[in-house]
C-alpha atoms as a PDB file:
ATOM      1  CA  MET A   1     -72.271 -33.014  32.993  1.00  0.00           C
ATOM      2  CA  THR A   2     -75.661 -32.239  31.493  1.00  0.00           C
ATOM      3  CA  PHE A   3     -78.023 -34.790  30.064  1.00  0.00           C
ATOM      4  CA  VAL A   4     -80.991 -34.446  27.530  1.00  0.00           C
ATOM      5  CA  LYS A   5     -83.517 -37.115  26.713  1.00  0.00           C
ATOM      6  CA  GLY A   6     -84.577 -37.517  23.369  1.00  0.00           C
ATOM      7  CA  ILE A   7     -82.297 -35.319  21.350  1.00  0.00           C
ATOM      8  CA  THR A   8     -78.935 -35.786  19.819  1.00  0.00           C
ATOM      9  CA  ALA A   9     -75.461 -34.541  21.081  1.00  0.00           C
ATOM     10  CA  SER A  10     -75.437 -32.176  18.177  1.00  0.00           C
ATOM     11  CA  GLN A  11     -78.899 -30.757  19.162  1.00  0.00           C
ATOM     12  CA  LEU A  12     -77.669 -30.556  22.824  1.00  0.00           C
ATOM     13  CA  LEU A  13     -74.578 -28.520  21.893  1.00  0.00           C
ATOM     14  CA  GLU A  14     -76.707 -26.403  19.719  1.00  0.00           C
ATOM     15  CA  ARG A  15     -79.104 -25.690  22.746  1.00  0.00           C
ATOM     16  CA  MET A  16     -76.139 -25.024  25.042  1.00  0.00           C
ATOM     17  CA  GLY A  17     -74.709 -22.286  22.615  1.00  0.00           C
ATOM     18  CA  ALA A  18     -71.896 -24.191  20.844  1.00  0.00           C
ATOM     19  CA  ASP A  19     -70.143 -22.259  18.369  1.00  0.00           C
ATOM     20  CA  PRO A  20     -71.059 -24.008  15.028  1.00  0.00           C
ATOM     21  CA  ALA A  21     -67.823 -23.517  13.375  1.00  0.00           C
ATOM     22  CA  SER A  22     -65.812 -25.355  16.343  1.00  0.00           C
ATOM     23  CA  VAL A  23     -68.204 -28.426  16.226  1.00  0.00           C
ATOM     24  CA  ALA A  24     -66.471 -31.502  15.149  1.00  0.00           C
ATOM     25  CA  VAL A  25     -66.046 -35.156  15.993  1.00  0.00           C
ATOM     26  CA  ARG A  26     -62.259 -35.358  17.254  1.00  0.00           C
ATOM     27  CA  ASP A  27     -60.448 -38.365  18.300  1.00  0.00           C
ATOM     28  CA  GLN A  28     -58.909 -38.308  21.761  1.00  0.00           C
ATOM     29  CA  GLU A  29     -55.490 -37.279  20.426  1.00  0.00           C
ATOM     30  CA  ASP A  30     -56.728 -34.448  18.263  1.00  0.00           C
ATOM     31  CA  PHE A  31     -59.217 -33.358  21.238  1.00  0.00           C
ATOM     32  CA  HIS A  32     -56.178 -32.867  23.551  1.00  0.00           C
ATOM     33  CA  ASP A  33     -53.932 -31.369  20.892  1.00  0.00           C
ATOM     34  CA  GLU A  34     -56.520 -28.782  20.157  1.00  0.00           C
ATOM     35  CA  PHE A  35     -58.109 -28.054  23.514  1.00  0.00           C
ATOM     36  CA  GLY A  36     -55.518 -29.491  26.032  1.00  0.00           C
ATOM     37  CA  ASP A  37     -54.220 -26.257  27.165  1.00  0.00           C
ATOM     38  CA  LEU A  38     -57.685 -25.042  27.984  1.00  0.00           C
ATOM     39  CA  LEU A  39     -59.345 -28.217  29.367  1.00  0.00           C
ATOM     40  CA  TYR A  40     -59.547 -26.876  33.016  1.00  0.00           C
ATOM     41  CA  GLU A  41     -59.537 -23.035  32.423  1.00  0.00           C
ATOM     42  CA  ALA A  42     -62.739 -21.820  33.900  1.00  0.00           C
ATOM     43  CA  ASP A  43     -63.775 -19.550  30.987  1.00  0.00           C
ATOM     44  CA  ALA A  44     -62.362 -21.597  27.990  1.00  0.00           C
ATOM     45  CA  TYR A  45     -65.857 -23.079  27.278  1.00  0.00           C
ATOM     46  CA  VAL A  46     -64.535 -26.378  25.916  1.00  0.00           C
ATOM     47  CA  VAL A  47     -67.059 -29.187  25.818  1.00  0.00           C
ATOM     48  CA  SER A  48     -67.143 -32.721  24.569  1.00  0.00           C
ATOM     49  CA  ALA A  49     -70.749 -34.625  23.816  1.00  0.00           C
ATOM     50  CA  GLY A  50     -72.077 -37.902  22.877  1.00  0.00           C
ATOM     51  CA  GLN A  51     -75.034 -40.186  23.324  1.00  0.00           C
ATOM     52  CA  TRP A  52     -75.915 -42.766  25.910  1.00  0.00           C
ATOM     53  CA  GLY A  53     -78.991 -44.579  24.803  1.00  0.00           C
ATOM     54  CA  ASP A  54     -81.935 -42.019  24.346  1.00  0.00           C
ATOM     55  CA  TRP A  55     -79.909 -39.427  26.401  1.00  0.00           C
ATOM     56  CA  ALA A  56     -77.373 -36.859  25.026  1.00  0.00           C
ATOM     57  CA  TRP A  57     -74.649 -35.643  27.258  1.00  0.00           C
ATOM     58  CA  VAL A  58     -72.120 -32.792  27.381  1.00  0.00           C
ATOM     59  CA  TRP A  59     -69.229 -32.591  29.623  1.00  0.00           C
ATOM     60  CA  GLU A  60     -68.250 -29.061  30.086  1.00  0.00           C
ATOM     61  CA  HIS A  61     -64.619 -29.385  30.722  1.00  0.00           C
ATOM     62  CA  SER A  62     -63.723 -25.886  30.985  1.00  0.00           C
ATOM     63  CA  SER A  63     -66.959 -23.979  31.945  1.00  0.00           C
ATOM     64  CA  TRP A  64     -69.504 -23.893  34.346  1.00  0.00           C
ATOM     65  CA  ARG A  65     -72.554 -22.777  32.422  1.00  0.00           C
ATOM     66  CA  CYS A  66     -75.150 -25.199  33.913  1.00  0.00           C
ATOM     67  CA  PHE A  67     -73.530 -24.788  37.402  1.00  0.00           C
ATOM     68  CA  ASP A  68     -73.602 -21.025  37.338  1.00  0.00           C
ATOM     69  CA  ASP A  69     -76.813 -20.511  35.355  1.00  0.00           C
ATOM     70  CA  PRO A  70     -79.647 -22.919  36.425  1.00  0.00           C
ATOM     71  CA  GLN A  71     -81.832 -21.310  33.768  1.00  0.00           C
ATOM     72  CA  LEU A  72     -79.832 -23.348  31.319  1.00  0.00           C
ATOM     73  CA  ILE A  73     -80.886 -26.577  32.497  1.00  0.00           C
ATOM     74  CA  ARG A  74     -84.434 -25.299  32.086  1.00  0.00           C
ATOM     75  CA  ASP A  75     -84.013 -23.953  28.609  1.00  0.00           C
ATOM     76  CA  ILE A  76     -82.268 -27.108  27.339  1.00  0.00           C
ATOM     77  CA  SER A  77     -84.946 -29.306  28.655  1.00  0.00           C
ATOM     78  CA  THR A  78     -87.768 -27.679  26.685  1.00  0.00           C
ATOM     79  CA  GLY A  79     -89.747 -30.544  25.159  1.00  0.00           C
ATOM     80  CA  SER A  80     -87.780 -33.255  27.059  1.00  0.00           C
ATOM     81  CA  VAL A  81     -86.180 -34.022  30.294  1.00  0.00           C
ATOM     82  CA  GLY A  82     -82.774 -32.601  31.565  1.00  0.00           C
ATOM     83  CA  VAL A  83     -80.348 -33.695  34.269  1.00  0.00           C
ATOM     84  CA  PHE A  84     -77.310 -31.734  35.415  1.00  0.00           C
ATOM     85  CA  LEU A  85     -74.696 -33.347  37.670  1.00  0.00           C
ATOM     86  CA  ALA A  86     -71.675 -31.880  39.198  1.00  0.00           C
ATOM     87  CA  TRP A  87     -69.554 -33.944  41.424  1.00  0.00           C
ATOM     88  CA  GLY A  88     -66.048 -32.773  41.003  1.00  0.00           C
ATOM     89  CA  GLU A  89     -64.003 -31.009  43.654  1.00  0.00           C
ATOM     90  CA  GLY A  90     -66.570 -28.455  44.406  1.00  0.00           C
ATOM     91  CA  PRO A  91     -70.227 -29.018  45.783  1.00  0.00           C
ATOM     92  CA  ALA A  92     -71.937 -31.724  44.280  1.00  0.00           C
ATOM     93  CA  GLU A  93     -75.205 -30.797  42.479  1.00  0.00           C
ATOM     94  CA  PHE A  94     -78.104 -32.577  41.010  1.00  0.00           C
ATOM     95  CA  MET A  95     -80.723 -30.700  38.913  1.00  0.00           C
ATOM     96  CA  TYR A  96     -83.697 -32.266  37.211  1.00  0.00           C
ATOM     97  CA  ALA A  97     -85.923 -30.406  34.584  1.00  0.00           C
ATOM     98  CA  GLU A  98     -88.817 -31.286  32.533  1.00  0.00           C
ATOM     99  CA  ASP A  99     -90.114 -29.230  29.620  1.00  0.00           C
ATOM    100  CA  GLY A 100     -88.493 -25.993  30.535  1.00  0.00           C
ATOM    101  CA  GLN A 101     -89.314 -26.295  34.358  1.00  0.00           C
ATOM    102  CA  LEU A 102     -86.789 -27.048  37.035  1.00  0.00           C
ATOM    103  CA  LEU A 103     -88.592 -29.547  39.136  1.00  0.00           C
ATOM    104  CA  SER A 104     -85.963 -30.626  41.616  1.00  0.00           C
ATOM    105  CA  ALA A 105     -82.409 -29.443  42.466  1.00  0.00           C
ATOM    106  CA  PHE A 106     -80.229 -30.484  45.052  1.00  0.00           C
ATOM    107  CA  SER A 107     -77.465 -27.680  45.094  1.00  0.00           C
ATOM    108  CA  ARG A 108     -75.609 -24.900  46.317  1.00  0.00           C
ATOM    109  CA  TYR A 109     -78.833 -23.050  46.089  1.00  0.00           C
ATOM    110  CA  ALA A 110     -80.310 -25.445  48.734  1.00  0.00           C
ATOM    111  CA  THR A 111     -78.693 -24.265  51.701  1.00  0.00           C
ATOM    112  CA  THR A 112     -79.362 -27.054  54.280  1.00  0.00           C
ATOM    113  CA  GLY A 113     -78.860 -30.022  51.849  1.00  0.00           C
ATOM    114  CA  LEU A 114     -81.861 -32.272  51.545  1.00  0.00           C
ATOM    115  CA  ARG A 115     -84.345 -30.453  53.725  1.00  0.00           C
ATOM    116  CA  ASP A 116     -84.131 -27.215  51.580  1.00  0.00           C
ATOM    117  CA  LEU A 117     -84.619 -28.070  47.975  1.00  0.00           C
ATOM    118  CA  VAL A 118     -85.446 -25.742  45.054  1.00  0.00           C
ATOM    119  CA  GLY A 119     -87.703 -26.376  42.045  1.00  0.00           C
ATOM    120  CA  GLY A 120     -91.517 -26.891  41.277  1.00  0.00           C
ATOM    121  CA  SER A 121     -91.613 -30.399  42.694  1.00  0.00           C
ATOM    122  CA  PRO A 122     -88.803 -30.502  45.266  1.00  0.00           C
ATOM    123  CA  SER A 123     -90.096 -33.676  46.725  1.00  0.00           C
ATOM    124  CA  ARG A 124     -89.963 -35.582  43.432  1.00  0.00           C
ATOM    125  CA  PHE A 125     -87.275 -37.851  44.491  1.00  0.00           C
ATOM    126  CA  ASP A 126     -88.116 -38.555  48.095  1.00  0.00           C
ATOM    127  CA  SER A 127     -88.918 -42.284  47.295  1.00  0.00           C
ATOM    128  CA  GLU A 128     -85.548 -42.737  45.631  1.00  0.00           C
ATOM    129  CA  LEU A 129     -83.773 -40.877  48.366  1.00  0.00           C
ATOM    130  CA  ARG A 130     -85.388 -43.185  50.957  1.00  0.00           C
ATOM    131  CA  LYS A 131     -84.410 -46.243  48.792  1.00  0.00           C
ATOM    132  CA  HIS A 132     -80.932 -45.315  49.115  1.00  0.00           C
ATOM    133  CA  GLY A 133     -80.898 -44.878  52.984  1.00  0.00           C
ATOM    134  CA  ALA A 134     -81.267 -40.952  52.754  1.00  0.00           C
ATOM    135  CA  ASP A 135     -84.164 -39.125  54.680  1.00  0.00           C
ATOM    136  CA  PRO A 136     -85.539 -35.948  53.145  1.00  0.00           C
ATOM    137  CA  ASP A 137     -87.394 -35.006  56.087  1.00  0.00           C
ATOM    138  CA  THR A 138     -84.640 -34.804  58.327  1.00  0.00           C
ATOM    139  CA  GLY A 139     -82.072 -33.813  55.721  1.00  0.00           C
ATOM    140  CA  ASP A 140     -79.885 -36.818  56.496  1.00  0.00           C
ATOM    141  CA  TYR A 141     -77.939 -38.380  53.363  1.00  0.00           C
ATOM    142  CA  GLY A 142     -77.742 -41.766  55.077  1.00  0.00           C
ATOM    143  CA  PRO A 143     -74.789 -44.098  54.251  1.00  0.00           C
ATOM    144  CA  LEU A 144     -73.927 -42.288  50.969  1.00  0.00           C
ATOM    145  CA  VAL A 145     -72.267 -38.752  50.432  1.00  0.00           C
ATOM    146  CA  SER A 146     -73.973 -36.294  48.313  1.00  0.00           C
ATOM    147  CA  ARG A 147     -71.967 -37.235  45.062  1.00  0.00           C
ATOM    148  CA  GLU A 148     -72.700 -40.968  45.415  1.00  0.00           C
ATOM    149  CA  LEU A 149     -76.438 -40.160  46.013  1.00  0.00           C
ATOM    150  CA  TYR A 150     -76.880 -37.919  43.314  1.00  0.00           C
ATOM    151  CA  LEU A 151     -75.229 -40.264  40.883  1.00  0.00           C
ATOM    152  CA  ARG A 152     -77.799 -43.018  42.069  1.00  0.00           C
ATOM    153  CA  LEU A 153     -80.544 -40.527  41.444  1.00  0.00           C
ATOM    154  CA  ALA A 154     -79.281 -39.782  37.883  1.00  0.00           C
ATOM    155  CA  GLU A 155     -79.163 -43.574  37.082  1.00  0.00           C
ATOM    156  CA  GLU A 156     -82.662 -43.845  38.557  1.00  0.00           C
ATOM    157  CA  VAL A 157     -84.017 -41.623  35.562  1.00  0.00           C
ATOM    158  CA  GLY A 158     -81.944 -43.606  32.966  1.00  0.00           C
ATOM    159  CA  VAL A 159     -78.837 -41.347  32.796  1.00  0.00           C
ATOM    160  CA  GLY A 160     -75.627 -43.265  32.305  1.00  0.00           C
ATOM    161  CA  LEU A 161     -72.334 -42.835  30.423  1.00  0.00           C
ATOM    162  CA  ALA A 162     -69.620 -45.310  29.241  1.00  0.00           C
ATOM    163  CA  GLU A 163     -66.185 -44.362  30.553  1.00  0.00           C
ATOM    164  CA  ASN A 164     -64.715 -45.120  27.133  1.00  0.00           C
ATOM    165  CA  ASP A 165     -67.060 -42.391  25.485  1.00  0.00           C
ATOM    166  CA  LEU A 166     -64.891 -39.875  27.952  1.00  0.00           C
ATOM    167  CA  PHE A 167     -61.486 -41.114  27.697  1.00  0.00           C
ATOM    168  CA  THR A 168     -60.739 -43.366  24.491  1.00  0.00           C
ATOM    169  CA  GLU A 169     -63.521 -42.844  21.949  1.00  0.00           C
ATOM    170  CA  PRO A 170     -63.833 -40.089  19.399  1.00  0.00           C
ATOM    171  CA  VAL A 171     -65.900 -37.350  20.721  1.00  0.00           C
ATOM    172  CA  LEU A 172     -68.174 -34.589  19.295  1.00  0.00           C
ATOM    173  CA  SER A 173     -66.488 -31.363  20.740  1.00  0.00           C
ATOM    174  CA  ALA A 174     -66.916 -27.690  20.515  1.00  0.00           C
ATOM    175  CA  TYR A 175     -66.380 -24.339  22.254  1.00  0.00           C
ATOM    176  CA  LEU A 176     -69.471 -22.894  23.825  1.00  0.00           C
ATOM    177  CA  THR A 177     -70.083 -19.184  22.918  1.00  0.00           C
ATOM    178  CA  SER A 178     -69.185 -17.144  26.060  1.00  0.00           C
ATOM    179  CA  PRO A 179     -72.344 -15.923  27.889  1.00  0.00           C
END
């Protein structure tokens, strides 16, 4: 999931390269009727989007654009703050960018967990990590696994999401254009 502060869900879709002809609000039934066969295909580029307070969010159901291209979180954070979270079956990731600059990322690009971070300010979240029992100096995640820790970091910066927004409420949805 990708989050950007201070813009609308439509603006985030535009920044991520949504096909304008495919952008529409769909109730969950219509969303699944239209996209159901493609929802978990790696290269179908189906996304849904919405708002959480000041944050716009996009769920990449069937693409890995932000996961595969860390430049995208830089680009979409221009003039704002962006957070990318991945916590599914693959490696957990957390990327934090401000005004087009990747400041801190815990990802597959960081080869030794908390000790080998990437970004212009890799220690940006050290105090938050310690608050949750992790030790960035030794690379110890503490009592939380990476997924739980990264979700806590996202909450610390104000990111959130109502479960109903994902599964019961109508959603803004679209196809992203392929890279």
